[in-house]
Amino acid sequence: MTSKLYVGNLSYNVRDDNLHQHFSAFGTVLSAKVMMERDTGRSKGFGFVEMSNADEAQAAIRGSNEQAFEGRNLIVNEARPQESRPPRSGGFGGGYGGGGFNGGGRRSY
């Protein structure tokens, strides 16, 4: 079974291929992705690496966590499952409840 790792404190110069190459020293890397800002294209300073099995993932954690890579000490641990978030809206629509209808005013009993 594959294991996904969170890799934090990345240098802003690190790209997917650098990450893939670094972690391939610990086993088979199925994917390596540096998270990028959508608007600027700049690295967010963290990424994810998917290793082919749990033993290789543990070796990568032991061999890379708090170790220097591209001038920064990495933070490497098992990735947590992504939390579900409500769908993003474009700022308009998507429900009721913030306006003056049925929301406030005086109560009559």
N, C-alpha and C. Protein backbone atom coordinates (compact mmCIF):
# COMPACT_ATOMS: atom_id res chain seq x y z
N MET A 1 0.84 -1.18 0.00
CA MET A 1 0.00 0.00 0.00
C MET A 1 0.88 1.25 0.00
N THR A 2 0.49 2.25 -0.74
CA THR A 2 1.28 3.47 -0.85
C THR A 2 1.18 4.30 0.43
N SER A 3 2.17 5.15 0.63
CA SER A 3 2.18 6.05 1.77
C SER A 3 2.48 7.46 1.29
N LYS A 4 1.69 8.41 1.77
CA LYS A 4 1.88 9.80 1.36
C LYS A 4 2.55 10.57 2.49
N LEU A 5 3.54 11.37 2.12
CA LEU A 5 4.29 12.15 3.09
C LEU A 5 4.05 13.64 2.88
N TYR A 6 4.00 14.36 3.97
CA TYR A 6 3.99 15.82 3.95
C TYR A 6 5.43 16.27 4.07
N VAL A 7 5.85 17.21 3.24
CA VAL A 7 7.21 17.74 3.29
C VAL A 7 7.10 19.26 3.43
N GLY A 8 7.51 19.77 4.58
CA GLY A 8 7.41 21.19 4.85
C GLY A 8 8.76 21.87 4.96
N ASN A 9 8.72 23.19 5.04
CA ASN A 9 9.90 24.04 5.14
C ASN A 9 10.80 23.92 3.91
N LEU A 10 10.16 23.76 2.75
CA LEU A 10 10.91 23.68 1.50
C LEU A 10 11.42 25.05 1.09
N SER A 11 12.58 25.07 0.50
CA SER A 11 13.09 26.28 -0.12
C SER A 11 12.14 26.66 -1.25
N TYR A 12 11.96 27.94 -1.49
CA TYR A 12 11.06 28.38 -2.55
C TYR A 12 11.59 28.04 -3.93
N ASN A 13 12.84 27.59 -4.03
CA ASN A 13 13.43 27.20 -5.31
C ASN A 13 13.16 25.74 -5.67
N VAL A 14 12.69 24.93 -4.71
CA VAL A 14 12.48 23.50 -4.95
C VAL A 14 11.25 23.31 -5.84
N ARG A 15 11.39 22.42 -6.82
CA ARG A 15 10.30 22.06 -7.72
C ARG A 15 10.04 20.56 -7.63
N ASP A 16 9.02 20.10 -8.32
CA ASP A 16 8.62 18.69 -8.25
C ASP A 16 9.77 17.74 -8.53
N ASP A 17 10.55 18.01 -9.57
CA ASP A 17 11.63 17.10 -9.94
C ASP A 17 12.73 17.04 -8.89
N ASN A 18 13.02 18.18 -8.21
CA ASN A 18 14.01 18.17 -7.12
C ASN A 18 13.53 17.29 -5.97
N LEU A 19 12.26 17.42 -5.64
CA LEU A 19 11.66 16.65 -4.54
C LEU A 19 11.69 15.16 -4.89
N HIS A 20 11.30 14.83 -6.10
CA HIS A 20 11.29 13.45 -6.56
C HIS A 20 12.68 12.84 -6.46
N GLN A 21 13.66 13.55 -6.94
CA GLN A 21 15.04 13.06 -6.93
C GLN A 21 15.54 12.84 -5.50
N HIS A 22 15.27 13.79 -4.62
CA HIS A 22 15.73 13.67 -3.23
C HIS A 22 15.14 12.43 -2.56
N PHE A 23 13.84 12.21 -2.70
CA PHE A 23 13.18 11.11 -2.01
C PHE A 23 13.39 9.76 -2.68
N SER A 24 13.83 9.74 -3.93
CA SER A 24 14.10 8.47 -4.60
C SER A 24 15.27 7.73 -3.96
N ALA A 25 16.08 8.42 -3.18
CA ALA A 25 17.17 7.75 -2.44
C ALA A 25 16.63 6.79 -1.39
N PHE A 26 15.36 6.93 -1.01
CA PHE A 26 14.76 6.11 0.04
C PHE A 26 13.83 5.04 -0.50
N GLY A 27 13.60 5.01 -1.80
CA GLY A 27 12.72 4.01 -2.39
C GLY A 27 12.03 4.55 -3.64
N THR A 28 10.99 3.87 -4.04
CA THR A 28 10.26 4.23 -5.25
C THR A 28 9.30 5.37 -4.97
N VAL A 29 9.49 6.46 -5.65
CA VAL A 29 8.62 7.63 -5.51
C VAL A 29 7.56 7.55 -6.62
N LEU A 30 6.30 7.47 -6.21
CA LEU A 30 5.21 7.41 -7.18
C LEU A 30 4.81 8.79 -7.66
N SER A 31 4.91 9.78 -6.76
CA SER A 31 4.62 11.16 -7.16
C SER A 31 5.29 12.10 -6.18
N ALA A 32 5.60 13.29 -6.66
CA ALA A 32 6.18 14.35 -5.84
C ALA A 32 5.61 15.67 -6.34
N LYS A 33 4.99 16.41 -5.45
CA LYS A 33 4.31 17.64 -5.86
C LYS A 33 4.59 18.76 -4.87
N VAL A 34 5.19 19.85 -5.36
CA VAL A 34 5.37 21.06 -4.57
C VAL A 34 4.13 21.91 -4.80
N MET A 35 3.52 22.36 -3.73
CA MET A 35 2.30 23.16 -3.84
C MET A 35 2.68 24.60 -4.22
N MET A 36 1.97 25.13 -5.21
CA MET A 36 2.28 26.44 -5.75
C MET A 36 1.10 27.40 -5.57
N GLU A 37 1.42 28.68 -5.40
CA GLU A 37 0.39 29.72 -5.35
C GLU A 37 -0.27 29.82 -6.71
N ARG A 38 -1.58 29.83 -6.72
CA ARG A 38 -2.31 29.88 -7.98
C ARG A 38 -2.06 31.18 -8.73
N ASP A 39 -2.07 32.29 -8.02
CA ASP A 39 -1.96 33.60 -8.68
C ASP A 39 -0.54 33.98 -9.08
N THR A 40 0.43 33.65 -8.22
CA THR A 40 1.79 34.11 -8.47
C THR A 40 2.70 33.05 -9.07
N GLY A 41 2.33 31.77 -8.94
CA GLY A 41 3.19 30.70 -9.42
C GLY A 41 4.37 30.42 -8.50
N ARG A 42 4.38 31.04 -7.33
CA ARG A 42 5.46 30.86 -6.36
C ARG A 42 5.15 29.67 -5.45
N SER A 43 6.18 28.97 -5.02
CA SER A 43 6.03 27.84 -4.12
C SER A 43 5.42 28.29 -2.80
N LYS A 44 4.59 27.43 -2.23
CA LYS A 44 4.02 27.70 -0.91
C LYS A 44 4.95 27.21 0.20
N GLY A 45 6.03 26.52 -0.17
CA GLY A 45 7.00 26.07 0.83
C GLY A 45 6.71 24.70 1.40
N PHE A 46 5.75 23.98 0.80
CA PHE A 46 5.50 22.62 1.24
C PHE A 46 5.04 21.79 0.05
N GLY A 47 5.05 20.48 0.24
CA GLY A 47 4.62 19.59 -0.83
C GLY A 47 4.30 18.22 -0.28
N PHE A 48 4.03 17.30 -1.20
CA PHE A 48 3.67 15.93 -0.84
C PHE A 48 4.43 14.96 -1.71
N VAL A 49 4.85 13.86 -1.10
CA VAL A 49 5.55 12.79 -1.81
C VAL A 49 4.82 11.50 -1.51
N GLU A 50 4.55 10.73 -2.56
CA GLU A 50 3.91 9.44 -2.39
C GLU A 50 4.94 8.35 -2.65
N MET A 51 5.18 7.54 -1.63
CA MET A 51 6.14 6.44 -1.73
C MET A 51 5.37 5.15 -1.99
N SER A 52 6.05 4.15 -2.56
CA SER A 52 5.36 2.93 -2.96
C SER A 52 4.92 2.05 -1.80
N ASN A 53 5.55 2.18 -0.63
CA ASN A 53 5.09 1.39 0.52
C ASN A 53 5.48 2.08 1.83
N ALA A 54 4.93 1.57 2.91
CA ALA A 54 5.10 2.19 4.23
C ALA A 54 6.55 2.11 4.72
N ASP A 55 7.26 1.04 4.41
CA ASP A 55 8.65 0.91 4.85
C ASP A 55 9.54 1.98 4.21
N GLU A 56 9.33 2.21 2.91
CA GLU A 56 10.10 3.25 2.23
C GLU A 56 9.73 4.63 2.77
N ALA A 57 8.47 4.82 3.07
CA ALA A 57 8.03 6.11 3.63
C ALA A 57 8.68 6.36 4.98
N GLN A 58 8.74 5.34 5.82
CA GLN A 58 9.39 5.49 7.13
C GLN A 58 10.88 5.76 6.98
N ALA A 59 11.51 5.12 6.00
CA ALA A 59 12.93 5.38 5.75
C ALA A 59 13.13 6.82 5.30
N ALA A 60 12.21 7.33 4.48
CA ALA A 60 12.30 8.72 4.01
C ALA A 60 12.11 9.69 5.17
N ILE A 61 11.20 9.37 6.08
CA ILE A 61 11.00 10.23 7.25
C ILE A 61 12.26 10.26 8.11
N ARG A 62 12.78 9.07 8.41
CA ARG A 62 14.00 8.99 9.23
C ARG A 62 15.19 9.68 8.56
N GLY A 63 15.30 9.56 7.25
CA GLY A 63 16.45 10.10 6.55
C GLY A 63 16.35 11.57 6.17
N SER A 64 15.13 12.13 6.20
CA SER A 64 14.97 13.52 5.73
C SER A 64 14.45 14.50 6.77
N ASN A 65 13.71 14.02 7.75
CA ASN A 65 13.14 14.94 8.73
C ASN A 65 14.24 15.66 9.49
N GLU A 66 14.14 16.98 9.53
CA GLU A 66 15.09 17.87 10.20
C GLU A 66 16.49 17.83 9.57
N GLN A 67 16.58 17.37 8.33
CA GLN A 67 17.84 17.34 7.60
C GLN A 67 17.86 18.47 6.57
N ALA A 68 19.04 18.99 6.29
CA ALA A 68 19.18 20.09 5.34
C ALA A 68 18.93 19.62 3.91
N PHE A 69 18.17 20.41 3.18
CA PHE A 69 17.91 20.18 1.76
C PHE A 69 17.71 21.53 1.11
N GLU A 70 18.58 21.87 0.16
CA GLU A 70 18.51 23.16 -0.52
C GLU A 70 18.54 24.34 0.47
N GLY A 71 19.35 24.18 1.52
CA GLY A 71 19.54 25.28 2.46
C GLY A 71 18.52 25.40 3.58
N ARG A 72 17.58 24.46 3.68
CA ARG A 72 16.57 24.52 4.74
C ARG A 72 16.43 23.14 5.37
N ASN A 73 16.11 23.09 6.66
CA ASN A 73 15.86 21.82 7.33
C ASN A 73 14.42 21.40 7.09
N LEU A 74 14.25 20.24 6.46
CA LEU A 74 12.92 19.76 6.10
C LEU A 74 12.13 19.29 7.31
N ILE A 75 10.83 19.39 7.19
CA ILE A 75 9.89 18.77 8.13
C ILE A 75 9.19 17.69 7.31
N VAL A 76 9.37 16.43 7.70
CA VAL A 76 8.79 15.33 6.94
C VAL A 76 8.02 14.43 7.90
N ASN A 77 6.75 14.20 7.59
CA ASN A 77 5.95 13.26 8.36
C ASN A 77 4.84 12.69 7.49
N GLU A 78 4.10 11.74 8.04
CA GLU A 78 3.01 11.15 7.27
C GLU A 78 1.94 12.21 7.04
N ALA A 79 1.44 12.25 5.83
CA ALA A 79 0.40 13.22 5.50
C ALA A 79 -0.91 12.78 6.14
N ARG A 80 -1.64 13.75 6.66
CA ARG A 80 -2.97 13.47 7.20
C ARG A 80 -3.97 13.54 6.05
N PRO A 81 -5.08 12.83 6.18
CA PRO A 81 -6.11 12.94 5.13
C PRO A 81 -6.61 14.37 5.02
N GLN A 82 -6.93 14.79 3.82
CA GLN A 82 -7.41 16.14 3.60
C GLN A 82 -8.77 16.30 4.26
N GLU A 83 -8.92 17.38 5.00
CA GLU A 83 -10.20 17.66 5.65
C GLU A 83 -11.19 18.14 4.60
N SER A 84 -12.43 17.71 4.76
CA SER A 84 -13.43 18.18 3.80
C SER A 84 -13.78 19.62 4.12
N ARG A 85 -13.93 20.40 3.07
CA ARG A 85 -14.26 21.81 3.21
C ARG A 85 -15.52 22.08 2.42
N PRO A 86 -16.26 23.09 2.83
CA PRO A 86 -17.44 23.43 2.03
C PRO A 86 -16.99 23.92 0.66
N PRO A 87 -17.83 23.73 -0.34
CA PRO A 87 -17.45 24.19 -1.68
C PRO A 87 -17.22 25.69 -1.70
N ARG A 88 -16.26 26.10 -2.51
CA ARG A 88 -15.95 27.53 -2.63
C ARG A 88 -16.99 28.16 -3.54
N SER A 89 -17.40 29.34 -3.16
CA SER A 89 -18.30 30.06 -4.04
C SER A 89 -17.54 31.26 -4.59
N GLY A 90 -18.03 31.80 -5.64
CA GLY A 90 -17.36 32.93 -6.27
C GLY A 90 -17.69 34.24 -5.60
N GLY A 91 -18.32 34.19 -4.44
CA GLY A 91 -18.64 35.41 -3.72
C GLY A 91 -20.09 35.83 -3.91
N PHE A 92 -20.77 35.22 -4.84
CA PHE A 92 -22.18 35.55 -5.07
C PHE A 92 -22.98 34.26 -5.06
N GLY A 93 -24.21 34.36 -4.67
CA GLY A 93 -25.08 33.19 -4.70
C GLY A 93 -24.70 32.19 -3.63
N GLY A 94 -25.20 31.01 -3.78
CA GLY A 94 -24.83 29.95 -2.86
C GLY A 94 -25.57 29.99 -1.56
N GLY A 95 -26.82 30.31 -1.56
CA GLY A 95 -27.58 30.19 -0.33
C GLY A 95 -28.20 31.49 0.11
N TYR A 96 -28.85 31.38 1.24
CA TYR A 96 -29.58 32.51 1.80
C TYR A 96 -29.05 32.79 3.19
N GLY A 97 -29.54 33.78 3.81
CA GLY A 97 -29.27 33.98 5.23
C GLY A 97 -28.32 35.08 5.52
N GLY A 98 -28.07 36.02 5.03
CA GLY A 98 -27.22 37.07 5.52
C GLY A 98 -27.91 38.39 5.30
N GLY A 99 -29.00 38.35 4.63
CA GLY A 99 -29.67 39.60 4.31
C GLY A 99 -30.72 39.98 5.32
N GLY A 100 -31.58 40.88 4.92
CA GLY A 100 -32.60 41.38 5.83
C GLY A 100 -33.85 40.55 5.87
N PHE A 101 -34.01 39.60 5.01
CA PHE A 101 -35.21 38.78 4.98
C PHE A 101 -35.09 37.66 6.00
N ASN A 102 -36.04 37.50 6.84
CA ASN A 102 -36.12 36.43 7.83
C ASN A 102 -34.92 36.37 8.76
N GLY A 103 -34.16 37.40 8.87
CA GLY A 103 -32.97 37.27 9.69
C GLY A 103 -32.82 38.44 10.64
N GLY A 104 -33.53 38.51 11.64
CA GLY A 104 -33.33 39.61 12.57
C GLY A 104 -34.59 40.44 12.70
N GLY A 105 -34.42 41.59 13.21
CA GLY A 105 -35.58 42.45 13.44
C GLY A 105 -36.24 42.09 14.76
N ARG A 106 -37.47 42.57 14.93
CA ARG A 106 -38.19 42.32 16.18
C ARG A 106 -38.90 40.98 16.12
N ARG A 107 -39.00 40.38 17.28
CA ARG A 107 -39.75 39.13 17.37
C ARG A 107 -41.12 39.44 17.94
N SER A 108 -42.08 38.83 17.37
CA SER A 108 -43.42 38.94 17.95
C SER A 108 -43.84 37.58 18.45
N TYR A 109 -44.44 37.57 19.64
CA TYR A 109 -44.82 36.31 20.26
C TYR A 109 -46.28 36.12 20.27
